[in-house]
Amino acid sequence: VYITFVLIGIITLSLSAIGVKIGNIFGTKFKTKAELA
């Protein structure tokens, strides 16, 4: 369970950092699809 917490943190950190870059380039085009999935 503690490994799961670490995975959640690392994956969120990575995807959020990538999200900032994608958002800067493409805007909010992928926002709804990400939340839906």
PDB file of all heavy atoms in Angstrom:
ATOM      1  N   VAL A   1       0.841  -1.201   0.000  1.00  0.00           N
ATOM      2  CA  VAL A   1       0.000   0.000   0.000  1.00  0.00           C
ATOM      3  C   VAL A   1       0.880   1.256   0.000  1.00  0.00           C
ATOM      4  O   VAL A   1       0.565   2.245  -0.658  1.00  0.00           O
ATOM      5  CB  VAL A   1      -1.003  -0.002   1.184  1.00  0.00           C
ATOM      6  CG1 VAL A   1      -0.303   0.155   2.509  1.00  0.00           C
ATOM      7  CG2 VAL A   1      -2.052   1.090   1.007  1.00  0.00           C
ATOM      8  N   TYR A   2       2.007   1.210   0.699  1.00  0.00           N
ATOM      9  CA  TYR A   2       2.900   2.381   0.750  1.00  0.00           C
ATOM     10  C   TYR A   2       3.610   2.593  -0.592  1.00  0.00           C
ATOM     11  O   TYR A   2       3.863   3.731  -0.985  1.00  0.00           O
ATOM     12  CB  TYR A   2       3.894   2.228   1.906  1.00  0.00           C
ATOM     13  CG  TYR A   2       3.173   2.141   3.230  1.00  0.00           C
ATOM     14  CD1 TYR A   2       3.047   0.937   3.901  1.00  0.00           C
ATOM     15  CD2 TYR A   2       2.571   3.270   3.779  1.00  0.00           C
ATOM     16  CE1 TYR A   2       2.345   0.854   5.097  1.00  0.00           C
ATOM     17  CE2 TYR A   2       1.872   3.192   4.976  1.00  0.00           C
ATOM     18  CZ  TYR A   2       1.764   1.985   5.629  1.00  0.00           C
ATOM     19  OH  TYR A   2       1.059   1.911   6.801  1.00  0.00           O
ATOM     20  N   ILE A   3       3.919   1.506  -1.284  1.00  0.00           N
ATOM     21  CA  ILE A   3       4.485   1.607  -2.629  1.00  0.00           C
ATOM     22  C   ILE A   3       3.459   2.273  -3.553  1.00  0.00           C
ATOM     23  O   ILE A   3       3.805   3.084  -4.416  1.00  0.00           O
ATOM     24  CB  ILE A   3       4.875   0.210  -3.184  1.00  0.00           C
ATOM     25  CG1 ILE A   3       5.917  -0.463  -2.290  1.00  0.00           C
ATOM     26  CG2 ILE A   3       5.330   0.291  -4.632  1.00  0.00           C
ATOM     27  CD1 ILE A   3       7.226   0.262  -2.176  1.00  0.00           C
ATOM     28  N   THR A   4       2.180   1.952  -3.342  1.00  0.00           N
ATOM     29  CA  THR A   4       1.111   2.551  -4.138  1.00  0.00           C
ATOM     30  C   THR A   4       1.082   4.065  -3.957  1.00  0.00           C
ATOM     31  O   THR A   4       0.925   4.809  -4.920  1.00  0.00           O
ATOM     32  CB  THR A   4      -0.251   1.918  -3.771  1.00  0.00           C
ATOM     33  OG1 THR A   4      -0.165   0.505  -3.962  1.00  0.00           O
ATOM     34  CG2 THR A   4      -1.373   2.481  -4.617  1.00  0.00           C
ATOM     35  N   PHE A   5       1.261   4.535  -2.711  1.00  0.00           N
ATOM     36  CA  PHE A   5       1.287   5.980  -2.461  1.00  0.00           C
ATOM     37  C   PHE A   5       2.438   6.641  -3.217  1.00  0.00           C
ATOM     38  O   PHE A   5       2.276   7.712  -3.807  1.00  0.00           O
ATOM     39  CB  PHE A   5       1.418   6.298  -0.965  1.00  0.00           C
ATOM     40  CG  PHE A   5       0.304   5.742  -0.128  1.00  0.00           C
ATOM     41  CD1 PHE A   5       0.564   5.250   1.139  1.00  0.00           C
ATOM     42  CD2 PHE A   5      -0.999   5.704  -0.586  1.00  0.00           C
ATOM     43  CE1 PHE A   5      -0.448   4.739   1.927  1.00  0.00           C
ATOM     44  CE2 PHE A   5      -2.033   5.195   0.188  1.00  0.00           C
ATOM     45  CZ  PHE A   5      -1.755   4.717   1.453  1.00  0.00           C
ATOM     46  N   VAL A   6       3.591   6.003  -3.198  1.00  0.00           N
ATOM     47  CA  VAL A   6       4.763   6.536  -3.901  1.00  0.00           C
ATOM     48  C   VAL A   6       4.506   6.557  -5.407  1.00  0.00           C
ATOM     49  O   VAL A   6       4.816   7.547  -6.084  1.00  0.00           O
ATOM     50  CB  VAL A   6       6.033   5.719  -3.557  1.00  0.00           C
ATOM     51  CG1 VAL A   6       7.210   6.134  -4.423  1.00  0.00           C
ATOM     52  CG2 VAL A   6       6.377   5.863  -2.078  1.00  0.00           C
ATOM     53  N   LEU A   7       3.928   5.470  -5.925  1.00  0.00           N
ATOM     54  CA  LEU A   7       3.598   5.422  -7.356  1.00  0.00           C
ATOM     55  C   LEU A   7       2.637   6.542  -7.734  1.00  0.00           C
ATOM     56  O   LEU A   7       2.815   7.195  -8.773  1.00  0.00           O
ATOM     57  CB  LEU A   7       2.949   4.079  -7.708  1.00  0.00           C
ATOM     58  CG  LEU A   7       3.875   2.901  -7.929  1.00  0.00           C
ATOM     59  CD1 LEU A   7       3.072   1.608  -8.068  1.00  0.00           C
ATOM     60  CD2 LEU A   7       4.727   3.114  -9.161  1.00  0.00           C
ATOM     61  N   ILE A   8       1.621   6.764  -6.910  1.00  0.00           N
ATOM     62  CA  ILE A   8       0.664   7.834  -7.177  1.00  0.00           C
ATOM     63  C   ILE A   8       1.391   9.178  -7.251  1.00  0.00           C
ATOM     64  O   ILE A   8       1.154   9.972  -8.157  1.00  0.00           O
ATOM     65  CB  ILE A   8      -0.452   7.862  -6.108  1.00  0.00           C
ATOM     66  CG1 ILE A   8      -1.347   6.630  -6.237  1.00  0.00           C
ATOM     67  CG2 ILE A   8      -1.282   9.143  -6.208  1.00  0.00           C
ATOM     68  CD1 ILE A   8      -2.308   6.423  -5.071  1.00  0.00           C
ATOM     69  N   GLY A   9       2.290   9.421  -6.307  1.00  0.00           N
ATOM     70  CA  GLY A   9       3.040  10.676  -6.295  1.00  0.00           C
ATOM     71  C   GLY A   9       3.933  10.847  -7.511  1.00  0.00           C
ATOM     72  O   GLY A   9       3.933  11.902  -8.153  1.00  0.00           O
ATOM     73  N   ILE A  10       4.678   9.821  -7.848  1.00  0.00           N
ATOM     74  CA  ILE A  10       5.616   9.900  -8.978  1.00  0.00           C
ATOM     75  C   ILE A  10       4.877  10.047 -10.297  1.00  0.00           C
ATOM     76  O   ILE A  10       5.242  10.870 -11.143  1.00  0.00           O
ATOM     77  CB  ILE A  10       6.548   8.664  -9.000  1.00  0.00           C
ATOM     78  CG1 ILE A  10       7.512   8.713  -7.803  1.00  0.00           C
ATOM     79  CG2 ILE A  10       7.307   8.567 -10.317  1.00  0.00           C
ATOM     80  CD1 ILE A  10       8.315   7.441  -7.600  1.00  0.00           C
ATOM     81  N   ILE A  11       3.821   9.258 -10.470  1.00  0.00           N
ATOM     82  CA  ILE A  11       3.060   9.327 -11.724  1.00  0.00           C
ATOM     83  C   ILE A  11       2.368  10.683 -11.848  1.00  0.00           C
ATOM     84  O   ILE A  11       2.365  11.291 -12.920  1.00  0.00           O
ATOM     85  CB  ILE A  11       2.084   8.139 -11.829  1.00  0.00           C
ATOM     86  CG1 ILE A  11       2.890   6.859 -12.085  1.00  0.00           C
ATOM     87  CG2 ILE A  11       1.039   8.372 -12.925  1.00  0.00           C
ATOM     88  CD1 ILE A  11       2.105   5.573 -12.033  1.00  0.00           C
ATOM     89  N   THR A  12       1.804  11.183 -10.749  1.00  0.00           N
ATOM     90  CA  THR A  12       1.154  12.499 -10.798  1.00  0.00           C
ATOM     91  C   THR A  12       2.167  13.594 -11.083  1.00  0.00           C
ATOM     92  O   THR A  12       1.907  14.493 -11.888  1.00  0.00           O
ATOM     93  CB  THR A  12       0.397  12.790  -9.486  1.00  0.00           C
ATOM     94  OG1 THR A  12      -0.568  11.767  -9.275  1.00  0.00           O
ATOM     95  CG2 THR A  12      -0.301  14.133  -9.539  1.00  0.00           C
ATOM     96  N   LEU A  13       3.316  13.542 -10.426  1.00  0.00           N
ATOM     97  CA  LEU A  13       4.364  14.526 -10.687  1.00  0.00           C
ATOM     98  C   LEU A  13       4.724  14.525 -12.173  1.00  0.00           C
ATOM     99  O   LEU A  13       4.750  15.578 -12.818  1.00  0.00           O
ATOM    100  CB  LEU A  13       5.607  14.213  -9.837  1.00  0.00           C
ATOM    101  CG  LEU A  13       6.763  15.210  -9.945  1.00  0.00           C
ATOM    102  CD1 LEU A  13       7.540  15.234  -8.636  1.00  0.00           C
ATOM    103  CD2 LEU A  13       7.693  14.927 -11.085  1.00  0.00           C
ATOM    104  N   SER A  14       4.958  13.343 -12.713  1.00  0.00           N
ATOM    105  CA  SER A  14       5.374  13.232 -14.116  1.00  0.00           C
ATOM    106  C   SER A  14       4.292  13.725 -15.070  1.00  0.00           C
ATOM    107  O   SER A  14       4.560  14.532 -15.973  1.00  0.00           O
ATOM    108  CB  SER A  14       5.714  11.775 -14.451  1.00  0.00           C
ATOM    109  OG  SER A  14       6.721  11.300 -13.594  1.00  0.00           O
ATOM    110  N   LEU A  15       3.065  13.235 -14.870  1.00  0.00           N
ATOM    111  CA  LEU A  15       1.988  13.622 -15.777  1.00  0.00           C
ATOM    112  C   LEU A  15       1.636  15.100 -15.655  1.00  0.00           C
ATOM    113  O   LEU A  15       1.291  15.750 -16.651  1.00  0.00           O
ATOM    114  CB  LEU A  15       0.748  12.756 -15.540  1.00  0.00           C
ATOM    115  CG  LEU A  15       0.868  11.302 -15.995  1.00  0.00           C
ATOM    116  CD1 LEU A  15      -0.379  10.517 -15.631  1.00  0.00           C
ATOM    117  CD2 LEU A  15       1.139  11.218 -17.494  1.00  0.00           C
ATOM    118  N   SER A  16       1.722  15.650 -14.456  1.00  0.00           N
ATOM    119  CA  SER A  16       1.428  17.080 -14.275  1.00  0.00           C
ATOM    120  C   SER A  16       2.477  17.947 -14.952  1.00  0.00           C
ATOM    121  O   SER A  16       2.146  18.951 -15.591  1.00  0.00           O
ATOM    122  CB  SER A  16       1.337  17.421 -12.788  1.00  0.00           C
ATOM    123  OG  SER A  16       0.271  16.735 -12.190  1.00  0.00           O
ATOM    124  N   ALA A  17       3.750  17.572 -14.798  1.00  0.00           N
ATOM    125  CA  ALA A  17       4.822  18.332 -15.451  1.00  0.00           C
ATOM    126  C   ALA A  17       4.656  18.277 -16.968  1.00  0.00           C
ATOM    127  O   ALA A  17       4.782  19.300 -17.664  1.00  0.00           O
ATOM    128  CB  ALA A  17       6.181  17.787 -15.038  1.00  0.00           C
ATOM    129  N   ILE A  18       4.323  17.105 -17.474  1.00  0.00           N
ATOM    130  CA  ILE A  18       4.078  16.957 -18.915  1.00  0.00           C
ATOM    131  C   ILE A  18       2.835  17.750 -19.307  1.00  0.00           C
ATOM    132  O   ILE A  18       2.797  18.393 -20.363  1.00  0.00           O
ATOM    133  CB  ILE A  18       3.935  15.465 -19.283  1.00  0.00           C
ATOM    134  CG1 ILE A  18       5.288  14.753 -19.117  1.00  0.00           C
ATOM    135  CG2 ILE A  18       3.397  15.287 -20.702  1.00  0.00           C
ATOM    136  CD1 ILE A  18       5.205  13.238 -19.154  1.00  0.00           C
ATOM    137  N   GLY A  19       1.807  17.722 -18.448  1.00  0.00           N
ATOM    138  CA  GLY A  19       0.569  18.453 -18.713  1.00  0.00           C
ATOM    139  C   GLY A  19       0.784  19.946 -18.857  1.00  0.00           C
ATOM    140  O   GLY A  19       0.152  20.596 -19.694  1.00  0.00           O
ATOM    141  N   VAL A  20       1.662  20.507 -18.028  1.00  0.00           N
ATOM    142  CA  VAL A  20       1.969  21.940 -18.135  1.00  0.00           C
ATOM    143  C   VAL A  20       2.543  22.238 -19.516  1.00  0.00           C
ATOM    144  O   VAL A  20       2.129  23.195 -20.180  1.00  0.00           O
ATOM    145  CB  VAL A  20       2.946  22.388 -17.020  1.00  0.00           C
ATOM    146  CG1 VAL A  20       3.422  23.808 -17.250  1.00  0.00           C
ATOM    147  CG2 VAL A  20       2.297  22.263 -15.655  1.00  0.00           C
ATOM    148  N   LYS A  21       3.457  21.425 -19.952  1.00  0.00           N
ATOM    149  CA  LYS A  21       4.088  21.635 -21.264  1.00  0.00           C
ATOM    150  C   LYS A  21       3.074  21.467 -22.391  1.00  0.00           C
ATOM    151  O   LYS A  21       3.003  22.292 -23.306  1.00  0.00           O
ATOM    152  CB  LYS A  21       5.264  20.662 -21.438  1.00  0.00           C
ATOM    153  CG  LYS A  21       6.033  20.848 -22.714  1.00  0.00           C
ATOM    154  CD  LYS A  21       6.721  22.190 -22.764  1.00  0.00           C
ATOM    155  CE  LYS A  21       7.589  22.306 -24.005  1.00  0.00           C
ATOM    156  NZ  LYS A  21       8.098  23.643 -24.186  1.00  0.00           N
ATOM    157  N   ILE A  22       2.274  20.399 -22.316  1.00  0.00           N
ATOM    158  CA  ILE A  22       1.261  20.162 -23.352  1.00  0.00           C
ATOM    159  C   ILE A  22       0.254  21.308 -23.366  1.00  0.00           C
ATOM    160  O   ILE A  22      -0.131  21.797 -24.429  1.00  0.00           O
ATOM    161  CB  ILE A  22       0.549  18.812 -23.129  1.00  0.00           C
ATOM    162  CG1 ILE A  22       1.521  17.657 -23.386  1.00  0.00           C
ATOM    163  CG2 ILE A  22      -0.677  18.681 -24.033  1.00  0.00           C
ATOM    164  CD1 ILE A  22       0.962  16.298 -23.005  1.00  0.00           C
ATOM    165  N   GLY A  23      -0.176  21.740 -22.171  1.00  0.00           N
ATOM    166  CA  GLY A  23      -1.125  22.849 -22.076  1.00  0.00           C
ATOM    167  C   GLY A  23      -0.564  24.121 -22.675  1.00  0.00           C
ATOM    168  O   GLY A  23      -1.281  24.887 -23.324  1.00  0.00           O
ATOM    169  N   ASN A  24       0.713  24.337 -22.471  1.00  0.00           N
ATOM    170  CA  ASN A  24       1.355  25.520 -23.025  1.00  0.00           C
ATOM    171  C   ASN A  24       1.381  25.468 -24.550  1.00  0.00           C
ATOM    172  O   ASN A  24       1.274  26.488 -25.208  1.00  0.00           O
ATOM    173  CB  ASN A  24       2.771  25.653 -22.457  1.00  0.00           C
ATOM    174  CG  ASN A  24       3.407  26.959 -22.824  1.00  0.00           C
ATOM    175  OD1 ASN A  24       4.241  27.018 -23.704  1.00  0.00           O
ATOM    176  ND2 ASN A  24       2.986  28.020 -22.145  1.00  0.00           N
ATOM    177  N   ILE A  25       1.489  24.272 -25.092  1.00  0.00           N
ATOM    178  CA  ILE A  25       1.564  24.119 -26.554  1.00  0.00           C
ATOM    179  C   ILE A  25       0.174  24.017 -27.191  1.00  0.00           C
ATOM    180  O   ILE A  25      -0.131  24.699 -28.152  1.00  0.00           O
ATOM    181  CB  ILE A  25       2.401  22.868 -26.927  1.00  0.00           C
ATOM    182  CG1 ILE A  25       3.849  23.042 -26.447  1.00  0.00           C
ATOM    183  CG2 ILE A  25       2.362  22.608 -28.423  1.00  0.00           C
ATOM    184  CD1 ILE A  25       4.684  21.787 -26.536  1.00  0.00           C
ATOM    185  N   PHE A  26      -0.673  23.158 -26.624  1.00  0.00           N
ATOM    186  CA  PHE A  26      -1.943  22.837 -27.271  1.00  0.00           C
ATOM    187  C   PHE A  26      -3.185  23.389 -26.583  1.00  0.00           C
ATOM    188  O   PHE A  26      -4.286  23.247 -27.098  1.00  0.00           O
ATOM    189  CB  PHE A  26      -2.123  21.319 -27.368  1.00  0.00           C
ATOM    190  CG  PHE A  26      -1.088  20.647 -28.211  1.00  0.00           C
ATOM    191  CD1 PHE A  26      -0.130  19.846 -27.618  1.00  0.00           C
ATOM    192  CD2 PHE A  26      -1.068  20.804 -29.584  1.00  0.00           C
ATOM    193  CE1 PHE A  26       0.833  19.211 -28.386  1.00  0.00           C
ATOM    194  CE2 PHE A  26      -0.116  20.177 -30.351  1.00  0.00           C
ATOM    195  CZ  PHE A  26       0.839  19.375 -29.757  1.00  0.00           C
ATOM    196  N   GLY A  27      -3.066  23.954 -25.400  1.00  0.00           N
ATOM    197  CA  GLY A  27      -4.251  24.426 -24.684  1.00  0.00           C
ATOM    198  C   GLY A  27      -4.966  23.291 -23.988  1.00  0.00           C
ATOM    199  O   GLY A  27      -4.363  22.298 -23.611  1.00  0.00           O
ATOM    200  N   THR A  28      -6.267  23.409 -23.822  1.00  0.00           N
ATOM    201  CA  THR A  28      -7.039  22.448 -23.020  1.00  0.00           C
ATOM    202  C   THR A  28      -7.711  21.360 -23.861  1.00  0.00           C
ATOM    203  O   THR A  28      -8.655  20.728 -23.408  1.00  0.00           O
ATOM    204  CB  THR A  28      -8.115  23.196 -22.211  1.00  0.00           C
ATOM    205  OG1 THR A  28      -8.941  23.910 -23.133  1.00  0.00           O
ATOM    206  CG2 THR A  28      -7.509  24.138 -21.207  1.00  0.00           C
ATOM    207  N   LYS A  29      -7.204  21.099 -25.033  1.00  0.00           N
ATOM    208  CA  LYS A  29      -7.799  20.116 -25.938  1.00  0.00           C
ATOM    209  C   LYS A  29      -7.939  18.733 -25.289  1.00  0.00           C
ATOM    210  O   LYS A  29      -8.915  18.029 -25.533  1.00  0.00           O
ATOM    211  CB  LYS A  29      -6.945  20.014 -27.198  1.00  0.00           C
ATOM    212  CG  LYS A  29      -7.461  19.055 -28.229  1.00  0.00           C
ATOM    213  CD  LYS A  29      -6.563  19.034 -29.453  1.00  0.00           C
ATOM    214  CE  LYS A  29      -7.076  18.045 -30.466  1.00  0.00           C
ATOM    215  NZ  LYS A  29      -6.212  17.953 -31.629  1.00  0.00           N
ATOM    216  N   PHE A  30      -6.979  18.320 -24.446  1.00  0.00           N
ATOM    217  CA  PHE A  30      -6.978  16.979 -23.876  1.00  0.00           C
ATOM    218  C   PHE A  30      -7.603  16.901 -22.485  1.00  0.00           C
ATOM    219  O   PHE A  30      -7.737  15.828 -21.931  1.00  0.00           O
ATOM    220  CB  PHE A  30      -5.547  16.431 -23.813  1.00  0.00           C
ATOM    221  CG  PHE A  30      -4.884  16.383 -25.158  1.00  0.00           C
ATOM    222  CD1 PHE A  30      -3.866  17.261 -25.475  1.00  0.00           C
ATOM    223  CD2 PHE A  30      -5.287  15.470 -26.109  1.00  0.00           C
ATOM    224  CE1 PHE A  30      -3.254  17.227 -26.707  1.00  0.00           C
ATOM    225  CE2 PHE A  30      -4.686  15.426 -27.355  1.00  0.00           C
ATOM    226  CZ  PHE A  30      -3.664  16.303 -27.654  1.00  0.00           C
ATOM    227  N   LYS A  31      -7.988  18.041 -21.916  1.00  0.00           N
ATOM    228  CA  LYS A  31      -8.494  18.084 -20.540  1.00  0.00           C
ATOM    229  C   LYS A  31      -9.696  17.168 -20.341  1.00  0.00           C
ATOM    230  O   LYS A  31      -9.711  16.334 -19.447  1.00  0.00           O
ATOM    231  CB  LYS A  31      -8.852  19.518 -20.154  1.00  0.00           C
ATOM    232  CG  LYS A  31      -9.471  19.648 -18.777  1.00  0.00           C
ATOM    233  CD  LYS A  31      -9.954  21.073 -18.538  1.00  0.00           C
ATOM    234  CE  LYS A  31     -10.567  21.229 -17.176  1.00  0.00           C
ATOM    235  NZ  LYS A  31     -11.831  20.541 -17.001  1.00  0.00           N
ATOM    236  N   THR A  32     -10.703  17.295 -21.166  1.00  0.00           N
ATOM    237  CA  THR A  32     -11.933  16.522 -20.966  1.00  0.00           C
ATOM    238  C   THR A  32     -11.699  15.036 -21.183  1.00  0.00           C
ATOM    239  O   THR A  32     -12.251  14.219 -20.450  1.00  0.00           O
ATOM    240  CB  THR A  32     -13.060  17.015 -21.897  1.00  0.00           C
ATOM    241  OG1 THR A  32     -12.629  16.933 -23.243  1.00  0.00           O
ATOM    242  CG2 THR A  32     -13.439  18.439 -21.581  1.00  0.00           C
ATOM    243  N   LYS A  33     -10.885  14.689 -22.153  1.00  0.00           N
ATOM    244  CA  LYS A  33     -10.610  13.275 -22.412  1.00  0.00           C
ATOM    245  C   LYS A  33      -9.861  12.643 -21.244  1.00  0.00           C
ATOM    246  O   LYS A  33     -10.123  11.495 -20.875  1.00  0.00           O
ATOM    247  CB  LYS A  33      -9.812  13.123 -23.706  1.00  0.00           C
ATOM    248  CG  LYS A  33     -10.631  13.442 -24.944  1.00  0.00           C
ATOM    249  CD  LYS A  33      -9.812  13.264 -26.204  1.00  0.00           C
ATOM    250  CE  LYS A  33     -10.669  13.536 -27.413  1.00  0.00           C
ATOM    251  NZ  LYS A  33     -10.380  14.729 -28.116  1.00  0.00           N
ATOM    252  N   ALA A  34      -8.936  13.370 -20.643  1.00  0.00           N
ATOM    253  CA  ALA A  34      -8.167  12.848 -19.506  1.00  0.00           C
ATOM    254  C   ALA A  34      -9.072  12.613 -18.304  1.00  0.00           C
ATOM    255  O   ALA A  34      -9.008  11.560 -17.657  1.00  0.00           O
ATOM    256  CB  ALA A  34      -7.044  13.816 -19.139  1.00  0.00           C
ATOM    257  N   GLU A  35      -9.941  13.573 -17.994  1.00  0.00           N
ATOM    258  CA  GLU A  35     -10.846  13.409 -16.857  1.00  0.00           C
ATOM    259  C   GLU A  35     -11.855  12.294 -17.104  1.00  0.00           C
ATOM    260  O   GLU A  35     -12.167  11.524 -16.207  1.00  0.00           O
ATOM    261  CB  GLU A  35     -11.574  14.716 -16.554  1.00  0.00           C
ATOM    262  CG  GLU A  35     -10.712  15.723 -15.838  1.00  0.00           C
ATOM    263  CD  GLU A  35     -11.474  16.965 -15.427  1.00  0.00           C
ATOM    264  OE1 GLU A  35     -12.345  17.417 -16.175  1.00  0.00           O
ATOM    265  OE2 GLU A  35     -11.172  17.479 -14.345  1.00  0.00           O
ATOM    266  N   LEU A  36     -12.364  12.188 -18.310  1.00  0.00           N
ATOM    267  CA  LEU A  36     -13.323  11.146 -18.644  1.00  0.00           C
ATOM    268  C   LEU A  36     -12.687   9.764 -18.481  1.00  0.00           C
ATOM    269  O   LEU A  36     -13.254   8.879 -17.839  1.00  0.00           O
ATOM    270  CB  LEU A  36     -13.842  11.333 -20.068  1.00  0.00           C
ATOM    271  CG  LEU A  36     -14.841  10.294 -20.573  1.00  0.00           C
ATOM    272  CD1 LEU A  36     -16.119  10.321 -19.744  1.00  0.00           C
ATOM    273  CD2 LEU A  36     -15.159  10.530 -22.045  1.00  0.00           C
ATOM    274  N   ALA A  37     -11.491   9.577 -19.030  1.00  0.00           N
ATOM    275  CA  ALA A  37     -10.801   8.293 -18.929  1.00  0.00           C
ATOM    276  C   ALA A  37     -10.496   7.954 -17.473  1.00  0.00           C
ATOM    277  O   ALA A  37     -10.706   6.816 -17.031  1.00  0.00           O
ATOM    278  CB  ALA A  37      -9.503   8.319 -19.746  1.00  0.00           C
TER     279      ALA A  37
END
